Amino acid sequence: MEAVRGQSGERNTNSHRSWKFCEGRENPADLLSRCCSEQKLLNSEIWWGGARWLSQPKHLWPTAVERKIPEEITELRGVKTVVQNITVQKLENPIKYLISKCSSWKKLISVAAWFLRFIKNLRRANDKNKTFLLTSEFEEARNVIVKYIQEAVFTEEIKRPKINKPIKTNSKLLALCPYLDEN
């Protein structure tokens, strides 16, 4: 608390001429105080670059607004500070993640089936499935995993038939007479 008091006292005695006023629409901190979404924060020029006037010469910066700080505000006893930390991270494909974490095919299918059920239960407000996994759920998980692997390994071979082009003659799949089905 001494460090905080020391800093606040130092701040109050510093020259106010070095302070610059930053309007709400130019203030990056204002975004978080108004519950800004992660997407808006990621795309915000103000958040990443600061107020626009900061990139201009200093003589064009806004002038300081003289404000008297009431004595009771300078005393910081009993003030609680809340720190909010937002981390935005692009996650890899969940199937790719599961493949890297599961040690066997059986475990991968099982974990993927539970994962897919979890996603379905999130979408259902009143009709959540809480019983054991069904055979159809294991089959769905297997299809999702196989489809992911096929798309990762044979991207070109899958893309070409979709746009009515033949598979290239140097493709390793060509001898197997590949075709696309609903899965």
N, C-alpha and C. Protein backbone atom coordinates (compact mmCIF):
# COMPACT_ATOMS: atom_id res chain seq x y z
N MET A 1 0.83 -1.19 0.00
CA MET A 1 0.00 0.00 0.00
C MET A 1 0.87 1.25 0.00
N GLU A 2 2.05 1.16 0.63
CA GLU A 2 2.96 2.31 0.63
C GLU A 2 3.39 2.67 -0.79
N ALA A 3 3.65 1.64 -1.59
CA ALA A 3 4.07 1.89 -2.97
C ALA A 3 2.97 2.62 -3.73
N VAL A 4 1.72 2.22 -3.51
CA VAL A 4 0.60 2.87 -4.19
C VAL A 4 0.47 4.31 -3.73
N ARG A 5 0.56 4.52 -2.40
CA ARG A 5 0.48 5.89 -1.88
C ARG A 5 1.61 6.74 -2.43
N GLY A 6 2.80 6.14 -2.49
CA GLY A 6 3.95 6.88 -3.01
C GLY A 6 3.75 7.26 -4.46
N GLN A 7 3.23 6.34 -5.24
CA GLN A 7 3.00 6.63 -6.65
C GLN A 7 1.91 7.67 -6.83
N SER A 8 0.84 7.55 -6.06
CA SER A 8 -0.25 8.51 -6.23
C SER A 8 0.19 9.90 -5.79
N GLY A 9 0.96 9.96 -4.72
CA GLY A 9 1.46 11.26 -4.27
C GLY A 9 2.37 11.86 -5.31
N GLU A 10 3.23 11.05 -5.89
CA GLU A 10 4.13 11.51 -6.92
C GLU A 10 3.35 11.98 -8.14
N ARG A 11 2.33 11.25 -8.50
CA ARG A 11 1.52 11.61 -9.65
C ARG A 11 0.83 12.96 -9.43
N ASN A 12 0.34 13.18 -8.21
CA ASN A 12 -0.38 14.41 -7.93
C ASN A 12 0.53 15.62 -7.88
N THR A 13 1.81 15.41 -7.60
CA THR A 13 2.71 16.55 -7.53
C THR A 13 3.39 16.82 -8.86
N ASN A 14 3.31 15.87 -9.80
CA ASN A 14 3.91 16.08 -11.12
C ASN A 14 3.20 17.21 -11.83
N SER A 15 3.89 17.78 -12.78
CA SER A 15 3.32 18.87 -13.56
C SER A 15 2.14 18.37 -14.38
N HIS A 16 1.02 19.03 -14.24
CA HIS A 16 -0.17 18.66 -15.01
C HIS A 16 -0.01 19.05 -16.47
N ARG A 17 0.99 19.87 -16.76
CA ARG A 17 1.20 20.28 -18.14
C ARG A 17 1.62 19.10 -19.02
N SER A 18 2.18 18.05 -18.41
CA SER A 18 2.62 16.90 -19.20
C SER A 18 1.47 15.92 -19.46
N TRP A 19 0.33 16.13 -18.84
CA TRP A 19 -0.82 15.25 -19.04
C TRP A 19 -1.58 15.69 -20.28
N LYS A 20 -2.10 14.73 -21.02
CA LYS A 20 -2.91 15.04 -22.20
C LYS A 20 -4.27 14.38 -22.04
N PHE A 21 -5.30 15.12 -22.37
CA PHE A 21 -6.66 14.59 -22.28
C PHE A 21 -6.92 13.69 -23.49
N CYS A 22 -7.57 12.58 -23.25
CA CYS A 22 -7.90 11.65 -24.34
C CYS A 22 -9.40 11.38 -24.27
N GLU A 23 -10.13 11.84 -25.28
CA GLU A 23 -11.58 11.64 -25.31
C GLU A 23 -11.91 10.15 -25.32
N GLY A 24 -13.11 9.82 -24.88
CA GLY A 24 -13.54 8.43 -24.82
C GLY A 24 -13.41 7.69 -26.14
N ARG A 25 -13.82 8.32 -27.24
CA ARG A 25 -13.76 7.62 -28.53
C ARG A 25 -12.33 7.46 -29.02
N GLU A 26 -11.37 8.18 -28.44
CA GLU A 26 -9.95 8.06 -28.80
C GLU A 26 -9.16 7.27 -27.77
N ASN A 27 -9.81 6.91 -26.67
CA ASN A 27 -9.12 6.29 -25.54
C ASN A 27 -9.22 4.76 -25.62
N PRO A 28 -8.09 4.06 -25.77
CA PRO A 28 -8.15 2.59 -25.86
C PRO A 28 -8.78 1.95 -24.62
N ALA A 29 -8.56 2.52 -23.46
CA ALA A 29 -9.12 1.95 -22.23
C ALA A 29 -10.65 2.02 -22.23
N ASP A 30 -11.21 2.95 -22.97
CA ASP A 30 -12.65 3.10 -23.03
C ASP A 30 -13.32 1.88 -23.66
N LEU A 31 -12.62 1.20 -24.57
CA LEU A 31 -13.18 0.01 -25.21
C LEU A 31 -13.51 -1.06 -24.18
N LEU A 32 -12.58 -1.33 -23.27
CA LEU A 32 -12.79 -2.38 -22.27
C LEU A 32 -13.84 -1.98 -21.24
N SER A 33 -13.92 -0.70 -20.93
CA SER A 33 -14.89 -0.27 -19.93
C SER A 33 -16.32 -0.37 -20.46
N ARG A 34 -16.47 -0.57 -21.75
CA ARG A 34 -17.81 -0.69 -22.36
C ARG A 34 -18.07 -2.11 -22.86
N CYS A 35 -17.43 -3.10 -22.26
CA CYS A 35 -17.65 -4.52 -22.58
C CYS A 35 -17.49 -4.80 -24.07
N CYS A 36 -16.37 -4.45 -24.60
CA CYS A 36 -16.06 -4.66 -26.01
C CYS A 36 -15.86 -6.16 -26.29
N SER A 37 -16.36 -6.63 -27.41
CA SER A 37 -16.17 -8.04 -27.78
C SER A 37 -14.73 -8.27 -28.22
N GLU A 38 -14.31 -9.54 -28.17
CA GLU A 38 -12.94 -9.87 -28.57
C GLU A 38 -12.70 -9.51 -30.04
N GLN A 39 -13.70 -9.76 -30.89
CA GLN A 39 -13.55 -9.49 -32.32
C GLN A 39 -13.38 -8.00 -32.56
N LYS A 40 -14.18 -7.19 -31.87
CA LYS A 40 -14.07 -5.74 -32.03
C LYS A 40 -12.71 -5.26 -31.53
N LEU A 41 -12.24 -5.85 -30.44
CA LEU A 41 -10.94 -5.49 -29.89
C LEU A 41 -9.82 -5.86 -30.86
N LEU A 42 -9.91 -7.03 -31.47
CA LEU A 42 -8.90 -7.47 -32.44
C LEU A 42 -8.83 -6.53 -33.64
N ASN A 43 -9.97 -5.99 -34.05
CA ASN A 43 -10.03 -5.15 -35.24
C ASN A 43 -9.90 -3.66 -34.93
N SER A 44 -9.72 -3.31 -33.68
CA SER A 44 -9.69 -1.91 -33.28
C SER A 44 -8.34 -1.26 -33.54
N GLU A 45 -8.33 -0.23 -34.37
CA GLU A 45 -7.10 0.52 -34.62
C GLU A 45 -6.66 1.28 -33.37
N ILE A 46 -7.62 1.78 -32.61
CA ILE A 46 -7.30 2.54 -31.39
C ILE A 46 -6.64 1.63 -30.36
N TRP A 47 -7.13 0.39 -30.20
CA TRP A 47 -6.56 -0.53 -29.21
C TRP A 47 -5.10 -0.83 -29.54
N TRP A 48 -4.82 -1.10 -30.81
CA TRP A 48 -3.47 -1.52 -31.20
C TRP A 48 -2.55 -0.34 -31.47
N GLY A 49 -3.08 0.81 -31.84
CA GLY A 49 -2.21 1.93 -32.20
C GLY A 49 -2.34 3.15 -31.31
N GLY A 50 -3.30 3.15 -30.39
CA GLY A 50 -3.49 4.31 -29.53
C GLY A 50 -4.31 5.38 -30.22
N ALA A 51 -4.49 6.48 -29.52
CA ALA A 51 -5.26 7.60 -30.07
C ALA A 51 -4.59 8.09 -31.36
N ARG A 52 -5.40 8.53 -32.31
CA ARG A 52 -4.87 8.95 -33.61
C ARG A 52 -3.89 10.11 -33.47
N TRP A 53 -4.14 10.99 -32.52
CA TRP A 53 -3.29 12.17 -32.39
C TRP A 53 -1.88 11.82 -31.91
N LEU A 54 -1.68 10.63 -31.36
CA LEU A 54 -0.34 10.23 -30.91
C LEU A 54 0.64 10.10 -32.07
N SER A 55 0.14 9.84 -33.28
CA SER A 55 1.03 9.71 -34.44
C SER A 55 1.31 11.06 -35.11
N GLN A 56 0.72 12.13 -34.58
CA GLN A 56 0.94 13.47 -35.12
C GLN A 56 2.07 14.16 -34.35
N PRO A 57 2.61 15.26 -34.88
CA PRO A 57 3.62 16.02 -34.13
C PRO A 57 3.03 16.52 -32.81
N LYS A 58 3.87 16.65 -31.78
CA LYS A 58 3.40 17.00 -30.43
C LYS A 58 2.65 18.33 -30.39
N HIS A 59 3.02 19.28 -31.24
CA HIS A 59 2.34 20.58 -31.19
C HIS A 59 0.88 20.48 -31.65
N LEU A 60 0.49 19.37 -32.29
CA LEU A 60 -0.90 19.18 -32.72
C LEU A 60 -1.72 18.37 -31.72
N TRP A 61 -1.08 17.91 -30.66
CA TRP A 61 -1.79 17.12 -29.66
C TRP A 61 -2.79 18.01 -28.92
N PRO A 62 -3.87 17.43 -28.39
CA PRO A 62 -4.85 18.23 -27.64
C PRO A 62 -4.20 18.84 -26.39
N THR A 63 -4.72 19.96 -25.99
CA THR A 63 -4.17 20.63 -24.80
C THR A 63 -4.74 20.00 -23.54
N ALA A 64 -3.98 20.13 -22.47
CA ALA A 64 -4.39 19.55 -21.19
C ALA A 64 -5.59 20.31 -20.63
N VAL A 65 -6.47 19.59 -19.99
CA VAL A 65 -7.62 20.19 -19.32
C VAL A 65 -7.26 20.30 -17.85
N GLU A 66 -7.29 21.50 -17.30
CA GLU A 66 -6.93 21.71 -15.89
C GLU A 66 -8.06 21.20 -15.02
N ARG A 67 -7.74 20.27 -14.17
CA ARG A 67 -8.75 19.69 -13.28
C ARG A 67 -8.19 19.64 -11.88
N LYS A 68 -8.99 20.04 -10.95
CA LYS A 68 -8.61 19.95 -9.54
C LYS A 68 -9.01 18.58 -9.03
N ILE A 69 -8.10 17.90 -8.39
CA ILE A 69 -8.39 16.59 -7.83
C ILE A 69 -8.77 16.78 -6.37
N PRO A 70 -10.00 16.39 -6.00
CA PRO A 70 -10.41 16.54 -4.60
C PRO A 70 -9.49 15.74 -3.68
N GLU A 71 -9.27 16.27 -2.49
CA GLU A 71 -8.35 15.66 -1.53
C GLU A 71 -8.74 14.22 -1.18
N GLU A 72 -10.06 13.96 -1.08
CA GLU A 72 -10.47 12.60 -0.70
C GLU A 72 -10.14 11.57 -1.78
N ILE A 73 -10.00 11.98 -3.02
CA ILE A 73 -9.65 11.05 -4.10
C ILE A 73 -8.17 10.69 -4.05
N THR A 74 -7.34 11.61 -3.58
CA THR A 74 -5.90 11.34 -3.57
C THR A 74 -5.53 10.28 -2.54
N GLU A 75 -6.38 10.05 -1.54
CA GLU A 75 -6.13 9.01 -0.55
C GLU A 75 -6.70 7.70 -1.08
N LEU A 76 -5.87 6.68 -1.21
CA LEU A 76 -6.29 5.44 -1.85
C LEU A 76 -6.53 4.30 -0.87
N ARG A 77 -6.79 4.58 0.38
CA ARG A 77 -7.04 3.50 1.34
C ARG A 77 -8.35 2.81 1.02
N GLY A 78 -8.33 1.49 1.10
CA GLY A 78 -9.55 0.71 0.91
C GLY A 78 -10.00 0.58 -0.53
N VAL A 79 -9.22 1.07 -1.47
CA VAL A 79 -9.60 0.95 -2.87
C VAL A 79 -9.21 -0.42 -3.37
N LYS A 80 -10.16 -1.10 -4.01
CA LYS A 80 -9.88 -2.41 -4.59
C LYS A 80 -9.66 -2.23 -6.08
N THR A 81 -8.66 -2.90 -6.60
CA THR A 81 -8.37 -2.84 -8.02
C THR A 81 -8.78 -4.15 -8.66
N VAL A 82 -9.51 -4.05 -9.76
CA VAL A 82 -9.91 -5.22 -10.51
C VAL A 82 -9.13 -5.21 -11.82
N VAL A 83 -8.44 -6.29 -12.09
CA VAL A 83 -7.66 -6.40 -13.31
C VAL A 83 -8.36 -7.40 -14.22
N GLN A 84 -8.59 -6.99 -15.44
CA GLN A 84 -9.23 -7.88 -16.40
C GLN A 84 -8.21 -8.18 -17.49
N ASN A 85 -8.00 -9.46 -17.73
CA ASN A 85 -7.05 -9.89 -18.74
C ASN A 85 -7.80 -10.64 -19.83
N ILE A 86 -7.64 -10.20 -21.06
CA ILE A 86 -8.31 -10.87 -22.17
C ILE A 86 -7.23 -11.45 -23.07
N THR A 87 -7.34 -12.74 -23.31
CA THR A 87 -6.42 -13.40 -24.22
C THR A 87 -7.22 -13.96 -25.38
N VAL A 88 -6.84 -13.57 -26.56
CA VAL A 88 -7.50 -14.07 -27.75
C VAL A 88 -6.48 -14.92 -28.49
N GLN A 89 -6.83 -16.16 -28.68
CA GLN A 89 -5.91 -17.09 -29.32
C GLN A 89 -6.69 -17.91 -30.33
N LYS A 90 -6.14 -18.00 -31.52
CA LYS A 90 -6.80 -18.82 -32.53
C LYS A 90 -6.43 -20.27 -32.23
N LEU A 91 -7.46 -21.06 -31.99
CA LEU A 91 -7.24 -22.46 -31.66
C LEU A 91 -7.16 -23.28 -32.94
N GLU A 92 -6.35 -24.34 -32.87
CA GLU A 92 -6.27 -25.23 -34.02
C GLU A 92 -7.55 -26.05 -34.10
N ASN A 93 -7.71 -26.74 -35.19
CA ASN A 93 -8.88 -27.59 -35.37
C ASN A 93 -8.98 -28.56 -34.20
N PRO A 94 -10.15 -28.70 -33.57
CA PRO A 94 -10.27 -29.58 -32.41
C PRO A 94 -9.94 -31.04 -32.73
N ILE A 95 -10.24 -31.49 -33.94
CA ILE A 95 -9.92 -32.87 -34.31
C ILE A 95 -8.40 -33.05 -34.37
N LYS A 96 -7.71 -32.07 -34.94
CA LYS A 96 -6.24 -32.13 -34.98
C LYS A 96 -5.68 -32.18 -33.57
N TYR A 97 -6.26 -31.39 -32.68
CA TYR A 97 -5.82 -31.38 -31.29
C TYR A 97 -6.04 -32.75 -30.64
N LEU A 98 -7.22 -33.33 -30.85
CA LEU A 98 -7.51 -34.65 -30.27
C LEU A 98 -6.57 -35.72 -30.81
N ILE A 99 -6.27 -35.67 -32.10
CA ILE A 99 -5.35 -36.64 -32.70
C ILE A 99 -3.99 -36.56 -32.01
N SER A 100 -3.55 -35.34 -31.72
CA SER A 100 -2.23 -35.18 -31.08
C SER A 100 -2.22 -35.62 -29.62
N LYS A 101 -3.39 -35.68 -28.98
CA LYS A 101 -3.45 -36.01 -27.55
C LYS A 101 -3.83 -37.46 -27.26
N CYS A 102 -4.50 -38.12 -28.18
CA CYS A 102 -4.96 -39.49 -27.92
C CYS A 102 -3.93 -40.51 -28.37
N SER A 103 -3.72 -41.52 -27.54
CA SER A 103 -2.66 -42.50 -27.80
C SER A 103 -3.11 -43.69 -28.64
N SER A 104 -4.40 -43.85 -28.86
CA SER A 104 -4.86 -44.98 -29.66
C SER A 104 -6.10 -44.56 -30.46
N TRP A 105 -6.37 -45.35 -31.51
CA TRP A 105 -7.54 -45.09 -32.36
C TRP A 105 -8.83 -45.20 -31.55
N LYS A 106 -8.91 -46.22 -30.71
CA LYS A 106 -10.11 -46.44 -29.89
C LYS A 106 -10.36 -45.25 -28.96
N LYS A 107 -9.30 -44.78 -28.32
CA LYS A 107 -9.45 -43.64 -27.41
C LYS A 107 -9.83 -42.38 -28.20
N LEU A 108 -9.22 -42.19 -29.36
CA LEU A 108 -9.53 -41.03 -30.20
C LEU A 108 -11.01 -41.02 -30.60
N ILE A 109 -11.53 -42.16 -31.02
CA ILE A 109 -12.94 -42.25 -31.41
C ILE A 109 -13.84 -41.95 -30.22
N SER A 110 -13.50 -42.50 -29.07
CA SER A 110 -14.31 -42.31 -27.87
C SER A 110 -14.32 -40.85 -27.43
N VAL A 111 -13.15 -40.24 -27.36
CA VAL A 111 -13.07 -38.83 -26.94
C VAL A 111 -13.79 -37.94 -27.95
N ALA A 112 -13.60 -38.21 -29.24
CA ALA A 112 -14.27 -37.41 -30.27
C ALA A 112 -15.79 -37.56 -30.18
N ALA A 113 -16.26 -38.77 -29.88
CA ALA A 113 -17.71 -39.00 -29.74
C ALA A 113 -18.27 -38.19 -28.57
N TRP A 114 -17.55 -38.19 -27.44
CA TRP A 114 -18.00 -37.39 -26.29
C TRP A 114 -17.96 -35.90 -26.63
N PHE A 115 -16.93 -35.49 -27.34
CA PHE A 115 -16.80 -34.09 -27.74
C PHE A 115 -17.98 -33.68 -28.63
N LEU A 116 -18.31 -34.51 -29.61
CA LEU A 116 -19.44 -34.20 -30.51
C LEU A 116 -20.76 -34.18 -29.75
N ARG A 117 -20.92 -35.09 -28.78
CA ARG A 117 -22.14 -35.08 -27.98
C ARG A 117 -22.21 -33.78 -27.16
N PHE A 118 -21.09 -33.38 -26.59
CA PHE A 118 -21.05 -32.14 -25.81
C PHE A 118 -21.51 -30.96 -26.67
N ILE A 119 -21.01 -30.87 -27.90
CA ILE A 119 -21.40 -29.79 -28.81
C ILE A 119 -22.91 -29.84 -29.07
N LYS A 120 -23.44 -31.04 -29.33
CA LYS A 120 -24.88 -31.18 -29.57
C LYS A 120 -25.69 -30.78 -28.35
N ASN A 121 -25.23 -31.17 -27.16
CA ASN A 121 -25.95 -30.81 -25.94
C ASN A 121 -25.93 -29.31 -25.69
N LEU A 122 -24.87 -28.63 -26.11
CA LEU A 122 -24.84 -27.17 -25.97
C LEU A 122 -25.93 -26.52 -26.82
N ARG A 123 -26.21 -27.13 -27.95
CA ARG A 123 -27.21 -26.57 -28.87
C ARG A 123 -28.63 -26.90 -28.47
N ARG A 124 -28.80 -27.91 -27.64
CA ARG A 124 -30.14 -28.32 -27.19
C ARG A 124 -30.39 -27.76 -25.80
N ALA A 125 -31.39 -26.95 -25.67
CA ALA A 125 -31.69 -26.36 -24.37
C ALA A 125 -32.35 -27.37 -23.43
N ASN A 126 -33.35 -28.09 -23.93
CA ASN A 126 -34.15 -28.96 -23.06
C ASN A 126 -33.92 -30.45 -23.27
N ASP A 127 -33.31 -30.83 -24.37
CA ASP A 127 -33.20 -32.24 -24.72
C ASP A 127 -31.74 -32.69 -24.73
N LYS A 128 -31.10 -32.69 -23.57
CA LYS A 128 -29.69 -33.07 -23.47
C LYS A 128 -29.57 -34.57 -23.27
N ASN A 129 -28.64 -35.17 -23.99
CA ASN A 129 -28.39 -36.61 -23.89
C ASN A 129 -27.32 -36.85 -22.84
N LYS A 130 -27.67 -37.55 -21.76
CA LYS A 130 -26.74 -37.78 -20.66
C LYS A 130 -26.44 -39.26 -20.45
N THR A 131 -26.86 -40.09 -21.38
CA THR A 131 -26.66 -41.54 -21.24
C THR A 131 -25.32 -41.95 -21.85
N PHE A 132 -25.09 -43.25 -21.91
CA PHE A 132 -23.87 -43.78 -22.52
C PHE A 132 -23.88 -43.47 -24.02
N LEU A 133 -22.71 -43.53 -24.64
CA LEU A 133 -22.61 -43.25 -26.07
C LEU A 133 -23.26 -44.36 -26.90
N LEU A 134 -23.91 -43.96 -27.97
CA LEU A 134 -24.55 -44.90 -28.87
C LEU A 134 -23.58 -45.29 -30.00
N THR A 135 -23.84 -46.42 -30.61
CA THR A 135 -23.02 -46.87 -31.74
C THR A 135 -22.99 -45.82 -32.84
N SER A 136 -24.13 -45.20 -33.08
CA SER A 136 -24.20 -44.16 -34.12
C SER A 136 -23.29 -42.97 -33.80
N GLU A 137 -23.11 -42.67 -32.50
CA GLU A 137 -22.22 -41.57 -32.12
C GLU A 137 -20.76 -41.93 -32.36
N PHE A 138 -20.39 -43.19 -32.13
CA PHE A 138 -19.04 -43.65 -32.44
C PHE A 138 -18.79 -43.58 -33.95
N GLU A 139 -19.79 -43.99 -34.73
CA GLU A 139 -19.67 -43.96 -36.19
C GLU A 139 -19.52 -42.52 -36.69
N GLU A 140 -20.30 -41.62 -36.11
CA GLU A 140 -20.21 -40.21 -36.50
C GLU A 140 -18.82 -39.67 -36.18
N ALA A 141 -18.30 -40.00 -35.00
CA ALA A 141 -16.96 -39.55 -34.62
C ALA A 141 -15.91 -40.09 -35.59
N ARG A 142 -16.03 -41.38 -35.93
CA ARG A 142 -15.09 -41.98 -36.88
C ARG A 142 -15.15 -41.26 -38.22
N ASN A 143 -16.35 -40.97 -38.71
CA ASN A 143 -16.51 -40.26 -39.99
C ASN A 143 -15.90 -38.86 -39.95
N VAL A 144 -16.11 -38.16 -38.85
CA VAL A 144 -15.56 -36.81 -38.71
C VAL A 144 -14.03 -36.85 -38.74
N ILE A 145 -13.45 -37.81 -38.03
CA ILE A 145 -11.99 -37.92 -37.98
C ILE A 145 -11.43 -38.32 -39.34
N VAL A 146 -12.03 -39.32 -39.98
CA VAL A 146 -11.55 -39.76 -41.29
C VAL A 146 -11.68 -38.62 -42.30
N LYS A 147 -12.78 -37.90 -42.26
CA LYS A 147 -12.98 -36.77 -43.18
C LYS A 147 -11.92 -35.71 -42.96
N TYR A 148 -11.63 -35.40 -41.70
CA TYR A 148 -10.60 -34.40 -41.40
C TYR A 148 -9.24 -34.83 -41.96
N ILE A 149 -8.88 -36.10 -41.72
CA ILE A 149 -7.58 -36.60 -42.19
C ILE A 149 -7.52 -36.61 -43.72
N GLN A 150 -8.60 -37.05 -44.35
CA GLN A 150 -8.63 -37.06 -45.82
C GLN A 150 -8.49 -35.65 -46.38
N GLU A 151 -9.19 -34.69 -45.79
CA GLU A 151 -9.11 -33.31 -46.28
C GLU A 151 -7.72 -32.72 -46.05
N ALA A 152 -7.07 -33.13 -44.96
CA ALA A 152 -5.72 -32.62 -44.68
C ALA A 152 -4.69 -33.21 -45.63
N VAL A 153 -4.83 -34.50 -45.95
CA VAL A 153 -3.82 -35.19 -46.76
C VAL A 153 -4.12 -35.07 -48.26
N PHE A 154 -5.39 -35.13 -48.63
CA PHE A 154 -5.76 -35.14 -50.04
C PHE A 154 -6.57 -33.90 -50.42
N THR A 155 -6.11 -32.75 -50.03
CA THR A 155 -6.82 -31.49 -50.27
C THR A 155 -7.15 -31.30 -51.74
N GLU A 156 -6.15 -31.43 -52.58
CA GLU A 156 -6.32 -31.21 -54.02
C GLU A 156 -7.27 -32.24 -54.64
N GLU A 157 -7.14 -33.49 -54.24
CA GLU A 157 -7.97 -34.56 -54.80
C GLU A 157 -9.44 -34.39 -54.42
N ILE A 158 -9.71 -33.76 -53.30
CA ILE A 158 -11.09 -33.53 -52.87
C ILE A 158 -11.64 -32.27 -53.53
N LYS A 159 -10.79 -31.27 -53.68
CA LYS A 159 -11.24 -29.99 -54.22
C LYS A 159 -11.60 -30.09 -55.71
N ARG A 160 -10.81 -30.78 -56.50
CA ARG A 160 -11.00 -30.81 -57.95
C ARG A 160 -12.36 -31.39 -58.37
N PRO A 161 -12.80 -32.55 -57.88
CA PRO A 161 -14.13 -33.06 -58.29
C PRO A 161 -15.27 -32.12 -57.89
N LYS A 162 -15.10 -31.39 -56.81
CA LYS A 162 -16.16 -30.46 -56.38
C LYS A 162 -16.37 -29.34 -57.39
N ILE A 163 -15.32 -29.00 -58.14
CA ILE A 163 -15.45 -27.94 -59.16
C ILE A 163 -15.46 -28.54 -60.57
N ASN A 164 -15.87 -29.81 -60.64
CA ASN A 164 -16.01 -30.54 -61.91
C ASN A 164 -14.73 -30.61 -62.73
N LYS A 165 -13.62 -30.83 -62.05
CA LYS A 165 -12.33 -31.02 -62.73
C LYS A 165 -11.83 -32.41 -62.39
N PRO A 166 -11.13 -33.05 -63.33
CA PRO A 166 -10.61 -34.40 -63.04
C PRO A 166 -9.43 -34.35 -62.06
N ILE A 167 -9.23 -35.45 -61.37
CA ILE A 167 -8.09 -35.56 -60.46
C ILE A 167 -6.83 -35.63 -61.31
N LYS A 168 -5.78 -34.98 -60.86
CA LYS A 168 -4.53 -34.94 -61.62
C LYS A 168 -3.98 -36.35 -61.82
N THR A 169 -3.32 -36.54 -62.95
CA THR A 169 -2.79 -37.86 -63.30
C THR A 169 -1.65 -38.32 -62.40
N ASN A 170 -0.98 -37.38 -61.73
CA ASN A 170 0.12 -37.77 -60.83
C ASN A 170 -0.36 -38.03 -59.39
N SER A 171 -1.66 -38.02 -59.17
CA SER A 171 -2.20 -38.27 -57.83
C SER A 171 -2.04 -39.74 -57.44
N LYS A 172 -1.66 -39.97 -56.21
CA LYS A 172 -1.50 -41.34 -55.70
C LYS A 172 -2.85 -42.05 -55.57
N LEU A 173 -3.93 -41.29 -55.54
CA LEU A 173 -5.26 -41.88 -55.38
C LEU A 173 -5.88 -42.33 -56.70
N LEU A 174 -5.38 -41.85 -57.80
CA LEU A 174 -6.02 -42.08 -59.09
C LEU A 174 -6.22 -43.57 -59.39
N ALA A 175 -5.27 -44.40 -59.06
CA ALA A 175 -5.37 -45.85 -59.33
C ALA A 175 -6.49 -46.50 -58.52
N LEU A 176 -6.95 -45.85 -57.46
CA LEU A 176 -8.01 -46.40 -56.60
C LEU A 176 -9.41 -45.99 -57.05
N CYS A 177 -9.49 -45.25 -58.16
CA CYS A 177 -10.78 -44.76 -58.68
C CYS A 177 -11.58 -44.03 -57.59
N PRO A 178 -11.04 -42.94 -57.06
CA PRO A 178 -11.71 -42.25 -55.95
C PRO A 178 -13.00 -41.55 -56.40
N TYR A 179 -13.90 -41.40 -55.46
CA TYR A 179 -15.15 -40.67 -55.69
C TYR A 179 -15.55 -40.00 -54.37
N LEU A 180 -16.40 -38.99 -54.47
CA LEU A 180 -16.89 -38.29 -53.28
C LEU A 180 -18.30 -38.78 -52.98
N ASP A 181 -18.54 -39.09 -51.71
CA ASP A 181 -19.90 -39.42 -51.28
C ASP A 181 -20.37 -38.36 -50.29
N GLU A 182 -21.50 -38.60 -49.64
CA GLU A 182 -22.06 -37.59 -48.72
C GLU A 182 -21.21 -37.38 -47.48
N ASN A 183 -20.34 -38.31 -47.14
CA ASN A 183 -19.47 -38.17 -45.97
C ASN A 183 -18.16 -37.53 -46.35
